[in-house]
């Protein structure tokens, strides 16, 4: 998210909780352990998104939870 550009990916919350979401930069599977911030400002089911830091390449990105 450097320089004001944020990478956002959509993923089912279930997949994120099961570490089945891949980092868009290197493909490492990430999950809740790598969350730096949860976004709670959109109802009805917070958190609706999470900021994540990849443990392998240190890429920062947002995972937006889909249905």
C-alpha atoms as a PDB file:
ATOM      1  CA  UNK A   1       0.000   0.000   0.000  1.00  0.00           C
ATOM      2  CA  UNK A   2       2.915   2.275  -0.562  1.00  0.00           C
ATOM      3  CA  UNK A   3       2.454   5.493  -2.455  1.00  0.00           C
ATOM      4  CA  UNK A   4      -1.288   5.528  -1.890  1.00  0.00           C
ATOM      5  CA  UNK A   5      -1.974   2.491  -4.055  1.00  0.00           C
ATOM      6  CA  UNK A   6      -3.640  -0.367  -2.260  1.00  0.00           C
ATOM      7  CA  UNK A   7      -3.903  -3.881  -3.582  1.00  0.00           C
ATOM      8  CA  UNK A   8      -7.348  -5.294  -2.824  1.00  0.00           C
ATOM      9  CA  UNK A   9      -8.413  -8.854  -3.386  1.00  0.00           C
ATOM     10  CA  UNK A  10     -11.817 -10.444  -2.813  1.00  0.00           C
ATOM     11  CA  UNK A  11     -12.022 -13.744  -0.987  1.00  0.00           C
ATOM     12  CA  UNK A  12     -14.606 -15.701   0.967  1.00  0.00           C
ATOM     13  CA  UNK A  13     -14.103 -15.228   4.709  1.00  0.00           C
ATOM     14  CA  UNK A  14     -14.149 -19.009   5.141  1.00  0.00           C
ATOM     15  CA  UNK A  15     -11.175 -19.379   2.770  1.00  0.00           C
ATOM     16  CA  UNK A  16      -9.268 -16.640   4.589  1.00  0.00           C
ATOM     17  CA  UNK A  17      -9.829 -18.296   7.960  1.00  0.00           C
ATOM     18  CA  UNK A  18      -8.576 -21.607   6.482  1.00  0.00           C
ATOM     19  CA  UNK A  19      -5.380 -20.028   5.043  1.00  0.00           C
ATOM     20  CA  UNK A  20      -6.504 -20.584   1.442  1.00  0.00           C
ATOM     21  CA  UNK A  21      -5.977 -17.009   0.218  1.00  0.00           C
ATOM     22  CA  UNK A  22      -2.818 -16.360  -1.808  1.00  0.00           C
ATOM     23  CA  UNK A  23      -0.657 -13.254  -1.576  1.00  0.00           C
ATOM     24  CA  UNK A  24      -1.047 -11.366  -4.871  1.00  0.00           C
ATOM     25  CA  UNK A  25       2.714 -10.687  -5.014  1.00  0.00           C
ATOM     26  CA  UNK A  26       4.270 -14.093  -4.320  1.00  0.00           C
ATOM     27  CA  UNK A  27       1.471 -16.642  -3.919  1.00  0.00           C
ATOM     28  CA  UNK A  28       2.139 -17.494  -0.265  1.00  0.00           C
ATOM     29  CA  UNK A  29      -1.032 -18.626   1.498  1.00  0.00           C
ATOM     30  CA  UNK A  30      -2.117 -16.206   4.207  1.00  0.00           C
ATOM     31  CA  UNK A  31      -4.773 -16.105   6.889  1.00  0.00           C
ATOM     32  CA  UNK A  32      -5.766 -14.478  10.173  1.00  0.00           C
ATOM     33  CA  UNK A  33      -2.299 -14.752  11.735  1.00  0.00           C
ATOM     34  CA  UNK A  34      -0.986 -12.155   9.261  1.00  0.00           C
ATOM     35  CA  UNK A  35      -3.683  -9.502   9.799  1.00  0.00           C
ATOM     36  CA  UNK A  36      -2.393  -6.057  10.718  1.00  0.00           C
ATOM     37  CA  UNK A  37      -5.811  -4.380  10.929  1.00  0.00           C
ATOM     38  CA  UNK A  38      -9.476  -5.376  10.723  1.00  0.00           C
ATOM     39  CA  UNK A  39     -11.889  -2.955   9.069  1.00  0.00           C
ATOM     40  CA  UNK A  40     -15.070  -2.698  11.090  1.00  0.00           C
ATOM     41  CA  UNK A  41     -16.755   0.296   9.522  1.00  0.00           C
ATOM     42  CA  UNK A  42     -19.175  -1.356   7.076  1.00  0.00           C
ATOM     43  CA  UNK A  43     -22.242  -3.229   8.344  1.00  0.00           C
ATOM     44  CA  UNK A  44     -23.799  -5.768   8.561  1.00  0.00           C
ATOM     45  CA  UNK A  45     -21.142  -8.366   9.401  1.00  0.00           C
ATOM     46  CA  UNK A  46     -17.935  -6.776  10.626  1.00  0.00           C
ATOM     47  CA  UNK A  47     -15.149  -7.150   9.967  1.00  0.00           C
ATOM     48  CA  UNK A  48     -15.753  -6.803   6.250  1.00  0.00           C
ATOM     49  CA  UNK A  49     -12.062  -6.655   5.337  1.00  0.00           C
ATOM     50  CA  UNK A  50      -8.586  -7.082   6.753  1.00  0.00           C
ATOM     51  CA  UNK A  51      -5.218  -5.539   6.018  1.00  0.00           C
ATOM     52  CA  UNK A  52      -2.626  -8.282   5.647  1.00  0.00           C
ATOM     53  CA  UNK A  53       1.173  -8.402   5.563  1.00  0.00           C
ATOM     54  CA  UNK A  54       2.642 -11.372   3.722  1.00  0.00           C
ATOM     55  CA  UNK A  55       5.123 -13.281   5.912  1.00  0.00           C
ATOM     56  CA  UNK A  56       7.335 -14.185   2.950  1.00  0.00           C
ATOM     57  CA  UNK A  57       7.641 -11.038   0.787  1.00  0.00           C
ATOM     58  CA  UNK A  58       6.225  -8.414   3.220  1.00  0.00           C
ATOM     59  CA  UNK A  59       3.660  -7.207   0.650  1.00  0.00           C
ATOM     60  CA  UNK A  60       0.788  -5.248   2.183  1.00  0.00           C
ATOM     61  CA  UNK A  61      -2.707  -5.772   0.793  1.00  0.00           C
ATOM     62  CA  UNK A  62      -6.373  -5.835   1.754  1.00  0.00           C
ATOM     63  CA  UNK A  63      -8.575  -8.896   1.711  1.00  0.00           C
ATOM     64  CA  UNK A  64     -12.202  -7.887   1.189  1.00  0.00           C
ATOM     65  CA  UNK A  65     -14.519 -10.617   2.422  1.00  0.00           C
ATOM     66  CA  UNK A  66     -17.136 -11.776  -0.051  1.00  0.00           C
ATOM     67  CA  UNK A  67     -20.206 -13.931   0.556  1.00  0.00           C
END
